Amino acid sequence: SVKGRFTIYRDNAKNAVYLRMNSLKPEDTAVYYCAAASRGATNVA
């Protein structure tokens, strides 16, 4: 639903992750949550 419009990227020096959202639609309205894992994962979705 967000492919081609949203881009995720991280800055390890700042210990941060970002979400660039372009071409926003009303259906993108939501509370957005950041999440981080303490181990590897096969299904990051």
All heavy atoms as atom14 arrays in JSON, in Angstrom:
{
  "sequence": "SVKGRFTIYRDNAKNAVYLRMNSLKPEDTAVYYCAAASRGATNVA",
  "atom14_mask": [
    [1, 1, 1, 1, 1, 1, 0, 0, 0, 0, 0, 0, 0, 0],
    [1, 1, 1, 1, 1, 1, 1, 0, 0, 0, 0, 0, 0, 0],
    [1, 1, 1, 1, 1, 1, 1, 1, 1, 0, 0, 0, 0, 0],
    [1, 1, 1, 1, 0, 0, 0, 0, 0, 0, 0, 0, 0, 0],
    [1, 1, 1, 1, 1, 1, 1, 1, 1, 1, 1, 0, 0, 0],
    [1, 1, 1, 1, 1, 1, 1, 1, 1, 1, 1, 0, 0, 0],
    [1, 1, 1, 1, 1, 1, 1, 0, 0, 0, 0, 0, 0, 0],
    [1, 1, 1, 1, 1, 1, 1, 1, 0, 0, 0, 0, 0, 0],
    [1, 1, 1, 1, 1, 1, 1, 1, 1, 1, 1, 1, 0, 0],
    [1, 1, 1, 1, 1, 1, 1, 1, 1, 1, 1, 0, 0, 0],
    [1, 1, 1, 1, 1, 1, 1, 1, 0, 0, 0, 0, 0, 0],
    [1, 1, 1, 1, 1, 1, 1, 1, 0, 0, 0, 0, 0, 0],
    [1, 1, 1, 1, 1, 0, 0, 0, 0, 0, 0, 0, 0, 0],
    [1, 1, 1, 1, 1, 1, 1, 1, 1, 0, 0, 0, 0, 0],
    [1, 1, 1, 1, 1, 1, 1, 1, 0, 0, 0, 0, 0, 0],
    [1, 1, 1, 1, 1, 0, 0, 0, 0, 0, 0, 0, 0, 0],
    [1, 1, 1, 1, 1, 1, 1, 0, 0, 0, 0, 0, 0, 0],
    [1, 1, 1, 1, 1, 1, 1, 1, 1, 1, 1, 1, 0, 0],
    [1, 1, 1, 1, 1, 1, 1, 1, 0, 0, 0, 0, 0, 0],
    [1, 1, 1, 1, 1, 1, 1, 1, 1, 1, 1, 0, 0, 0],
    [1, 1, 1, 1, 1, 1, 1, 1, 0, 0, 0, 0, 0, 0],
    [1, 1, 1, 1, 1, 1, 1, 1, 0, 0, 0, 0, 0, 0],
    [1, 1, 1, 1, 1, 1, 0, 0, 0, 0, 0, 0, 0, 0],
    [1, 1, 1, 1, 1, 1, 1, 1, 0, 0, 0, 0, 0, 0],
    [1, 1, 1, 1, 1, 1, 1, 1, 1, 0, 0, 0, 0, 0],
    [1, 1, 1, 1, 1, 1, 1, 0, 0, 0, 0, 0, 0, 0],
    [1, 1, 1, 1, 1, 1, 1, 1, 1, 0, 0, 0, 0, 0],
    [1, 1, 1, 1, 1, 1, 1, 1, 0, 0, 0, 0, 0, 0],
    [1, 1, 1, 1, 1, 1, 1, 0, 0, 0, 0, 0, 0, 0],
    [1, 1, 1, 1, 1, 0, 0, 0, 0, 0, 0, 0, 0, 0],
    [1, 1, 1, 1, 1, 1, 1, 0, 0, 0, 0, 0, 0, 0],
    [1, 1, 1, 1, 1, 1, 1, 1, 1, 1, 1, 1, 0, 0],
    [1, 1, 1, 1, 1, 1, 1, 1, 1, 1, 1, 1, 0, 0],
    [1, 1, 1, 1, 1, 1, 0, 0, 0, 0, 0, 0, 0, 0],
    [1, 1, 1, 1, 1, 0, 0, 0, 0, 0, 0, 0, 0, 0],
    [1, 1, 1, 1, 1, 0, 0, 0, 0, 0, 0, 0, 0, 0],
    [1, 1, 1, 1, 1, 0, 0, 0, 0, 0, 0, 0, 0, 0],
    [1, 1, 1, 1, 1, 1, 0, 0, 0, 0, 0, 0, 0, 0],
    [1, 1, 1, 1, 1, 1, 1, 1, 1, 1, 1, 0, 0, 0],
    [1, 1, 1, 1, 0, 0, 0, 0, 0, 0, 0, 0, 0, 0],
    [1, 1, 1, 1, 1, 0, 0, 0, 0, 0, 0, 0, 0, 0],
    [1, 1, 1, 1, 1, 1, 1, 0, 0, 0, 0, 0, 0, 0],
    [1, 1, 1, 1, 1, 1, 1, 1, 0, 0, 0, 0, 0, 0],
    [1, 1, 1, 1, 1, 1, 1, 0, 0, 0, 0, 0, 0, 0],
    [1, 1, 1, 1, 1, 0, 0, 0, 0, 0, 0, 0, 0, 0]
  ],
  "atom14_positions": [
    [[0.81, -1.22, 0.0], [0.0, 0.0, 0.0], [0.84, 1.28, 0.0], [0.33, 2.35, -0.32], [-0.94, 0.01, 1.2], [-0.2, -0.07, 2.4], [0.0, 0.0, 0.0], [0.0, 0.0, 0.0], [0.0, 0.0, 0.0], [0.0, 0.0, 0.0], [0.0, 0.0, 0.0], [0.0, 0.0, 0.0], [0.0, 0.0, 0.0], [0.0, 0.0, 0.0]],
    [[2.12, 1.16, 0.37], [2.96, 2.36, 0.44], [4.15, 2.3, -0.5], [4.93, 3.26, -0.58], [3.45, 2.61, 1.88], [2.28, 2.67, 2.85], [4.46, 1.56, 2.32], [0.0, 0.0, 0.0], [0.0, 0.0, 0.0], [0.0, 0.0, 0.0], [0.0, 0.0, 0.0], [0.0, 0.0, 0.0], [0.0, 0.0, 0.0], [0.0, 0.0, 0.0]],
    [[4.3, 1.19, -1.2], [5.44, 1.06, -2.13], [5.45, 2.19, -3.15], [4.43, 2.54, -3.72], [5.38, -0.29, -2.86], [6.08, -1.42, -2.13], [6.17, -2.67, -2.99], [7.04, -3.72, -2.36], [6.5, -4.24, -1.11], [0.0, 0.0, 0.0], [0.0, 0.0, 0.0], [0.0, 0.0, 0.0], [0.0, 0.0, 0.0], [0.0, 0.0, 0.0]],
    [[6.63, 2.73, -3.35], [6.77, 3.82, -4.31], [6.45, 5.19, -3.73], [6.72, 6.21, -4.36], [0.0, 0.0, 0.0], [0.0, 0.0, 0.0], [0.0, 0.0, 0.0], [0.0, 0.0, 0.0], [0.0, 0.0, 0.0], [0.0, 0.0, 0.0], [0.0, 0.0, 0.0], [0.0, 0.0, 0.0], [0.0, 0.0, 0.0], [0.0, 0.0, 0.0]],
    [[5.86, 5.21, -2.54], [5.51, 6.49, -1.9], [6.28, 6.72, -0.6], [6.65, 7.86, -0.3], [4.01, 6.53, -1.61], [3.12, 6.39, -2.83], [1.65, 6.64, -2.49], [1.13, 5.69, -1.52], [0.61, 6.03, -0.34], [0.54, 7.32, 0.01], [0.14, 5.11, 0.48], [0.0, 0.0, 0.0], [0.0, 0.0, 0.0], [0.0, 0.0, 0.0]],
    [[6.5, 5.67, 0.17], [7.18, 5.79, 1.45], [8.58, 5.18, 1.35], [8.78, 4.15, 0.69], [6.42, 5.03, 2.55], [5.1, 5.63, 2.94], [4.5, 6.64, 2.2], [4.44, 5.16, 4.06], [3.28, 7.18, 2.57], [3.21, 5.68, 4.45], [2.63, 6.69, 3.71], [0.0, 0.0, 0.0], [0.0, 0.0, 0.0], [0.0, 0.0, 0.0]],
    [[9.53, 5.8, 2.04], [10.89, 5.3, 2.08], [11.37, 5.26, 3.52], [11.28, 6.27, 4.24], [11.84, 6.2, 1.26], [11.37, 6.28, -0.09], [13.25, 5.65, 1.27], [0.0, 0.0, 0.0], [0.0, 0.0, 0.0], [0.0, 0.0, 0.0], [0.0, 0.0, 0.0], [0.0, 0.0, 0.0], [0.0, 0.0, 0.0], [0.0, 0.0, 0.0]],
    [[11.89, 4.12, 3.94], [12.47, 4.0, 5.27], [13.98, 4.06, 5.16], [14.57, 3.51, 4.24], [12.01, 2.69, 5.96], [12.5, 2.65, 7.41], [12.46, 1.46, 5.18], [11.92, 1.49, 8.22], [0.0, 0.0, 0.0], [0.0, 0.0, 0.0], [0.0, 0.0, 0.0], [0.0, 0.0, 0.0], [0.0, 0.0, 0.0], [0.0, 0.0, 0.0]],
    [[14.6, 4.75, 6.1], [16.06, 4.78, 6.13], [16.5, 5.02, 7.56], [15.71, 5.5, 8.39], [16.63, 5.84, 5.19], [16.16, 7.27, 5.41], [16.95, 8.18, 6.11], [14.93, 7.7, 4.93], [16.53, 9.49, 6.31], [14.5, 9.0, 5.12], [15.3, 9.89, 5.8], [14.87, 11.19, 6.01], [0.0, 0.0, 0.0], [0.0, 0.0, 0.0]],
    [[17.75, 4.67, 7.82], [18.23, 4.78, 9.2], [19.57, 5.5, 9.22], [20.3, 5.5, 8.24], [18.32, 3.4, 9.84], [19.29, 2.45, 9.18], [18.98, 1.0, 9.55], [19.23, 0.71, 10.95], [18.83, -0.41, 11.55], [18.17, -1.33, 10.86], [19.1, -0.62, 12.83], [0.0, 0.0, 0.0], [0.0, 0.0, 0.0], [0.0, 0.0, 0.0]],
    [[19.88, 6.09, 10.36], [21.15, 6.76, 10.61], [21.69, 6.17, 11.9], [21.28, 6.57, 12.99], [20.94, 8.27, 10.71], [22.25, 9.03, 10.87], [23.25, 8.42, 11.26], [22.25, 10.24, 10.59], [0.0, 0.0, 0.0], [0.0, 0.0, 0.0], [0.0, 0.0, 0.0], [0.0, 0.0, 0.0], [0.0, 0.0, 0.0], [0.0, 0.0, 0.0]],
    [[22.61, 5.22, 11.77], [23.12, 4.55, 12.96], [23.93, 5.49, 13.85], [23.98, 5.3, 15.06], [23.97, 3.35, 12.56], [23.13, 2.21, 12.02], [21.94, 2.12, 12.29], [23.75, 1.36, 11.23], [0.0, 0.0, 0.0], [0.0, 0.0, 0.0], [0.0, 0.0, 0.0], [0.0, 0.0, 0.0], [0.0, 0.0, 0.0], [0.0, 0.0, 0.0]],
    [[24.54, 6.48, 13.26], [25.31, 7.44, 14.07], [24.39, 8.19, 15.03], [24.81, 8.59, 16.12], [26.04, 8.42, 13.16], [0.0, 0.0, 0.0], [0.0, 0.0, 0.0], [0.0, 0.0, 0.0], [0.0, 0.0, 0.0], [0.0, 0.0, 0.0], [0.0, 0.0, 0.0], [0.0, 0.0, 0.0], [0.0, 0.0, 0.0], [0.0, 0.0, 0.0]],
    [[23.14, 8.37, 14.6], [22.16, 9.06, 15.45], [21.24, 8.08, 16.16], [20.35, 8.49, 16.9], [21.33, 10.03, 14.61], [22.15, 11.17, 14.01], [21.27, 12.13, 13.24], [22.09, 13.29, 12.69], [21.26, 14.25, 11.93], [0.0, 0.0, 0.0], [0.0, 0.0, 0.0], [0.0, 0.0, 0.0], [0.0, 0.0, 0.0], [0.0, 0.0, 0.0]],
    [[21.44, 6.78, 15.89], [20.59, 5.75, 16.49], [19.12, 6.05, 16.19], [18.26, 6.07, 17.09], [20.81, 5.67, 18.01], [20.49, 4.3, 18.56], [20.46, 3.3, 17.84], [20.23, 4.24, 19.86], [0.0, 0.0, 0.0], [0.0, 0.0, 0.0], [0.0, 0.0, 0.0], [0.0, 0.0, 0.0], [0.0, 0.0, 0.0], [0.0, 0.0, 0.0]],
    [[18.86, 6.3, 14.92], [17.52, 6.75, 14.52], [17.08, 6.08, 13.23], [17.91, 5.62, 12.43], [17.5, 8.27, 14.35], [0.0, 0.0, 0.0], [0.0, 0.0, 0.0], [0.0, 0.0, 0.0], [0.0, 0.0, 0.0], [0.0, 0.0, 0.0], [0.0, 0.0, 0.0], [0.0, 0.0, 0.0], [0.0, 0.0, 0.0], [0.0, 0.0, 0.0]],
    [[15.77, 6.03, 13.06], [15.17, 5.53, 11.82], [14.12, 6.53, 11.39], [13.49, 7.2, 12.22], [14.57, 4.12, 12.01], [13.42, 4.13, 12.99], [14.17, 3.52, 10.68], [0.0, 0.0, 0.0], [0.0, 0.0, 0.0], [0.0, 0.0, 0.0], [0.0, 0.0, 0.0], [0.0, 0.0, 0.0], [0.0, 0.0, 0.0], [0.0, 0.0, 0.0]],
    [[13.95, 6.66, 10.08], [13.07, 7.67, 9.53], [12.1, 7.04, 8.53], [12.37, 5.99, 7.96], [13.89, 8.75, 8.82], [14.95, 9.37, 9.69], [16.23, 8.81, 9.76], [14.69, 10.5, 10.45], [17.2, 9.35, 10.57], [15.66, 11.06, 11.26], [16.91, 10.48, 11.32], [17.88, 11.04, 12.13], [0.0, 0.0, 0.0], [0.0, 0.0, 0.0]],
    [[11.0, 7.73, 8.31], [10.04, 7.3, 7.3], [9.64, 8.53, 6.49], [8.97, 9.42, 6.99], [8.8, 6.67, 7.94], [7.79, 6.08, 6.96], [8.38, 4.83, 6.27], [6.48, 5.72, 7.66], [0.0, 0.0, 0.0], [0.0, 0.0, 0.0], [0.0, 0.0, 0.0], [0.0, 0.0, 0.0], [0.0, 0.0, 0.0], [0.0, 0.0, 0.0]],
    [[10.11, 8.56, 5.26], [9.76, 9.65, 4.37], [8.48, 9.24, 3.63], [8.44, 8.21, 2.97], [10.88, 9.91, 3.37], [10.54, 10.94, 2.29], [10.33, 12.32, 2.86], [10.03, 13.32, 1.84], [9.71, 14.58, 2.09], [9.62, 15.01, 3.35], [9.47, 15.41, 1.1], [0.0, 0.0, 0.0], [0.0, 0.0, 0.0], [0.0, 0.0, 0.0]],
    [[7.45, 10.06, 3.75], [6.15, 9.74, 3.18], [5.79, 10.8, 2.13], [5.64, 11.97, 2.49], [5.09, 9.69, 4.28], [5.43, 8.74, 5.41], [4.12, 8.57, 6.63], [4.11, 10.21, 7.33], [0.0, 0.0, 0.0], [0.0, 0.0, 0.0], [0.0, 0.0, 0.0], [0.0, 0.0, 0.0], [0.0, 0.0, 0.0], [0.0, 0.0, 0.0]],
    [[5.66, 10.37, 0.91], [5.28, 11.25, -0.19], [3.91, 10.84, -0.73], [3.43, 9.74, -0.48], [6.3, 11.18, -1.32], [7.66, 11.71, -0.94], [7.77, 12.64, -0.14], [8.71, 11.13, -1.51], [0.0, 0.0, 0.0], [0.0, 0.0, 0.0], [0.0, 0.0, 0.0], [0.0, 0.0, 0.0], [0.0, 0.0, 0.0], [0.0, 0.0, 0.0]],
    [[3.3, 11.75, -1.49], [2.01, 11.46, -2.14], [1.01, 10.89, -1.15], [0.35, 9.87, -1.42], [2.22, 10.5, -3.31], [3.15, 11.02, -4.24], [0.0, 0.0, 0.0], [0.0, 0.0, 0.0], [0.0, 0.0, 0.0], [0.0, 0.0, 0.0], [0.0, 0.0, 0.0], [0.0, 0.0, 0.0], [0.0, 0.0, 0.0], [0.0, 0.0, 0.0]],
    [[0.89, 11.53, -0.03], [0.02, 11.03, 1.04], [-1.44, 11.03, 0.62], [-1.9, 11.92, -0.13], [0.22, 11.84, 2.31], [1.5, 11.48, 3.08], [1.9, 12.59, 4.03], [1.31, 10.17, 3.83], [0.0, 0.0, 0.0], [0.0, 0.0, 0.0], [0.0, 0.0, 0.0], [0.0, 0.0, 0.0], [0.0, 0.0, 0.0], [0.0, 0.0, 0.0]],
    [[-2.16, 10.03, 1.1], [-3.58, 9.84, 0.8], [-4.37, 9.84, 2.1], [-3.81, 9.52, 3.17], [-3.79, 8.51, 0.1], [-2.95, 8.31, -1.15], [-3.14, 6.9, -1.69], [-2.29, 6.66, -2.94], [-2.46, 5.27, -3.45], [0.0, 0.0, 0.0], [0.0, 0.0, 0.0], [0.0, 0.0, 0.0], [0.0, 0.0, 0.0], [0.0, 0.0, 0.0]],
    [[-5.65, 10.14, 2.05], [-6.46, 10.09, 3.28], [-6.39, 8.75, 3.98], [-6.43, 8.69, 5.22], [-7.88, 10.39, 2.78], [-7.65, 11.26, 1.57], [-6.41, 10.7, 0.93], [0.0, 0.0, 0.0], [0.0, 0.0, 0.0], [0.0, 0.0, 0.0], [0.0, 0.0, 0.0], [0.0, 0.0, 0.0], [0.0, 0.0, 0.0], [0.0, 0.0, 0.0]],
    [[-6.25, 7.67, 3.23], [-6.18, 6.35, 3.85], [-4.86, 6.1, 4.57], [-4.7, 5.08, 5.24], [-6.42, 5.24, 2.81], [-5.57, 5.35, 1.56], [-6.31, 6.05, 0.42], [-6.98, 7.08, 0.68], [-6.2, 5.56, -0.73], [0.0, 0.0, 0.0], [0.0, 0.0, 0.0], [0.0, 0.0, 0.0], [0.0, 0.0, 0.0], [0.0, 0.0, 0.0]],
    [[-3.92, 7.01, 4.47], [-2.68, 6.92, 5.26], [-2.87, 7.48, 6.67], [-1.95, 7.38, 7.49], [-1.54, 7.68, 4.56], [-1.15, 7.07, 3.23], [-1.09, 5.82, 3.14], [-0.92, 7.83, 2.27], [0.0, 0.0, 0.0], [0.0, 0.0, 0.0], [0.0, 0.0, 0.0], [0.0, 0.0, 0.0], [0.0, 0.0, 0.0], [0.0, 0.0, 0.0]],
    [[-4.01, 8.07, 6.93], [-4.28, 8.62, 8.26], [-4.25, 7.52, 9.31], [-4.95, 6.51, 9.19], [-5.65, 9.32, 8.27], [-5.6, 10.46, 7.39], [-6.01, 9.79, 9.68], [0.0, 0.0, 0.0], [0.0, 0.0, 0.0], [0.0, 0.0, 0.0], [0.0, 0.0, 0.0], [0.0, 0.0, 0.0], [0.0, 0.0, 0.0], [0.0, 0.0, 0.0]],
    [[-3.41, 7.72, 10.31], [-3.24, 6.71, 11.36], [-2.26, 7.23, 12.4], [-1.61, 8.26, 12.2], [-2.71, 5.4, 10.77], [0.0, 0.0, 0.0], [0.0, 0.0, 0.0], [0.0, 0.0, 0.0], [0.0, 0.0, 0.0], [0.0, 0.0, 0.0], [0.0, 0.0, 0.0], [0.0, 0.0, 0.0], [0.0, 0.0, 0.0], [0.0, 0.0, 0.0]],
    [[-2.16, 6.49, 13.49], [-1.05, 6.69, 14.43], [0.09, 5.8, 13.95], [-0.11, 4.6, 13.74], [-1.46, 6.34, 15.86], [-0.26, 6.49, 16.8], [-2.61, 7.22, 16.33], [0.0, 0.0, 0.0], [0.0, 0.0, 0.0], [0.0, 0.0, 0.0], [0.0, 0.0, 0.0], [0.0, 0.0, 0.0], [0.0, 0.0, 0.0], [0.0, 0.0, 0.0]],
    [[1.24, 6.39, 13.79], [2.41, 5.67, 13.3], [3.34, 5.36, 14.46], [3.68, 6.25, 15.26], [3.13, 6.5, 12.25], [2.43, 6.48, 10.92], [1.21, 7.13, 10.74], [2.96, 5.78, 9.83], [0.55, 7.1, 9.52], [2.3, 5.74, 8.61], [1.1, 6.4, 8.46], [0.44, 6.36, 7.26], [0.0, 0.0, 0.0], [0.0, 0.0, 0.0]],
    [[3.76, 4.09, 14.53], [4.61, 3.61, 15.61], [5.95, 3.14, 15.07], [6.01, 2.41, 14.08], [3.94, 2.44, 16.34], [2.65, 2.8, 17.02], [1.43, 2.66, 16.37], [2.65, 3.28, 18.33], [0.24, 2.99, 16.99], [1.46, 3.61, 18.97], [0.26, 3.47, 18.29], [-0.91, 3.79, 18.92], [0.0, 0.0, 0.0], [0.0, 0.0, 0.0]],
    [[6.99, 3.51, 15.76], [8.33, 3.03, 15.49], [8.55, 1.76, 16.32], [8.05, 1.66, 17.45], [9.32, 4.12, 15.88], [11.04, 3.64, 15.87], [0.0, 0.0, 0.0], [0.0, 0.0, 0.0], [0.0, 0.0, 0.0], [0.0, 0.0, 0.0], [0.0, 0.0, 0.0], [0.0, 0.0, 0.0], [0.0, 0.0, 0.0], [0.0, 0.0, 0.0]],
    [[9.31, 0.82, 15.77], [9.6, -0.42, 16.48], [11.04, -0.83, 16.22], [11.58, -0.58, 15.15], [8.65, -1.53, 16.04], [0.0, 0.0, 0.0], [0.0, 0.0, 0.0], [0.0, 0.0, 0.0], [0.0, 0.0, 0.0], [0.0, 0.0, 0.0], [0.0, 0.0, 0.0], [0.0, 0.0, 0.0], [0.0, 0.0, 0.0], [0.0, 0.0, 0.0]],
    [[11.63, -1.51, 17.22], [13.01, -1.97, 17.09], [13.14, -3.36, 17.69], [12.48, -3.68, 18.69], [13.96, -1.0, 17.79], [0.0, 0.0, 0.0], [0.0, 0.0, 0.0], [0.0, 0.0, 0.0], [0.0, 0.0, 0.0], [0.0, 0.0, 0.0], [0.0, 0.0, 0.0], [0.0, 0.0, 0.0], [0.0, 0.0, 0.0], [0.0, 0.0, 0.0]],
    [[13.97, -4.16, 17.07], [14.18, -5.54, 17.52], [15.52, -5.69, 18.2], [16.48, -4.97, 17.88], [14.09, -6.49, 16.33], [0.0, 0.0, 0.0], [0.0, 0.0, 0.0], [0.0, 0.0, 0.0], [0.0, 0.0, 0.0], [0.0, 0.0, 0.0], [0.0, 0.0, 0.0], [0.0, 0.0, 0.0], [0.0, 0.0, 0.0], [0.0, 0.0, 0.0]],
    [[15.61, -6.64, 19.11], [16.87, -6.91, 19.8], [17.51, -8.19, 19.29], [18.45, -8.72, 19.9], [16.63, -6.99, 21.3], [15.74, -8.04, 21.6], [0.0, 0.0, 0.0], [0.0, 0.0, 0.0], [0.0, 0.0, 0.0], [0.0, 0.0, 0.0], [0.0, 0.0, 0.0], [0.0, 0.0, 0.0], [0.0, 0.0, 0.0], [0.0, 0.0, 0.0]],
    [[17.0, -8.72, 18.18], [17.52, -9.96, 17.59], [17.16, -9.95, 16.11], [16.33, -9.14, 15.67], [16.89, -11.17, 18.28], [15.38, -11.22, 18.12], [14.72, -12.08, 19.16], [13.29, -12.22, 18.93], [12.38, -11.29, 19.21], [12.77, -10.14, 19.7], [11.1, -11.49, 18.98], [0.0, 0.0, 0.0], [0.0, 0.0, 0.0], [0.0, 0.0, 0.0]],
    [[17.74, -10.85, 15.36], [17.4, -10.95, 13.96], [15.98, -11.49, 13.78], [15.43, -12.09, 14.69], [0.0, 0.0, 0.0], [0.0, 0.0, 0.0], [0.0, 0.0, 0.0], [0.0, 0.0, 0.0], [0.0, 0.0, 0.0], [0.0, 0.0, 0.0], [0.0, 0.0, 0.0], [0.0, 0.0, 0.0], [0.0, 0.0, 0.0], [0.0, 0.0, 0.0]],
    [[15.41, -11.25, 12.62], [14.05, -11.69, 12.35], [13.91, -12.1, 10.9], [14.5, -11.49, 10.01], [13.05, -10.59, 12.68], [0.0, 0.0, 0.0], [0.0, 0.0, 0.0], [0.0, 0.0, 0.0], [0.0, 0.0, 0.0], [0.0, 0.0, 0.0], [0.0, 0.0, 0.0], [0.0, 0.0, 0.0], [0.0, 0.0, 0.0], [0.0, 0.0, 0.0]],
    [[13.13, -13.16, 10.67], [12.88, -13.58, 9.3], [11.69, -12.84, 8.7], [11.61, -12.65, 7.5], [12.63, -15.09, 9.23], [11.57, -15.42, 10.13], [13.88, -15.85, 9.64], [0.0, 0.0, 0.0], [0.0, 0.0, 0.0], [0.0, 0.0, 0.0], [0.0, 0.0, 0.0], [0.0, 0.0, 0.0], [0.0, 0.0, 0.0], [0.0, 0.0, 0.0]],
    [[10.77, -12.45, 9.54], [9.58, -11.75, 9.06], [9.48, -10.39, 9.73], [8.87, -10.25, 10.79], [8.32, -12.57, 9.33], [7.07, -11.89, 8.8], [7.15, -10.9, 8.08], [5.91, -12.4, 9.17], [0.0, 0.0, 0.0], [0.0, 0.0, 0.0], [0.0, 0.0, 0.0], [0.0, 0.0, 0.0], [0.0, 0.0, 0.0], [0.0, 0.0, 0.0]],
    [[10.06, -9.39, 9.13], [10.08, -8.06, 9.74], [8.75, -7.36, 9.6], [8.57, -6.26, 10.14], [11.19, -7.19, 9.13], [12.56, -7.77, 9.47], [11.02, -7.04, 7.62], [0.0, 0.0, 0.0], [0.0, 0.0, 0.0], [0.0, 0.0, 0.0], [0.0, 0.0, 0.0], [0.0, 0.0, 0.0], [0.0, 0.0, 0.0], [0.0, 0.0, 0.0]],
    [[7.81, -7.96, 8.88], [6.48, -7.38, 8.75], [5.56, -7.76, 9.9], [4.45, -7.24, 10.01], [5.85, -7.8, 7.43], [0.0, 0.0, 0.0], [0.0, 0.0, 0.0], [0.0, 0.0, 0.0], [0.0, 0.0, 0.0], [0.0, 0.0, 0.0], [0.0, 0.0, 0.0], [0.0, 0.0, 0.0], [0.0, 0.0, 0.0], [0.0, 0.0, 0.0]]
  ]
}
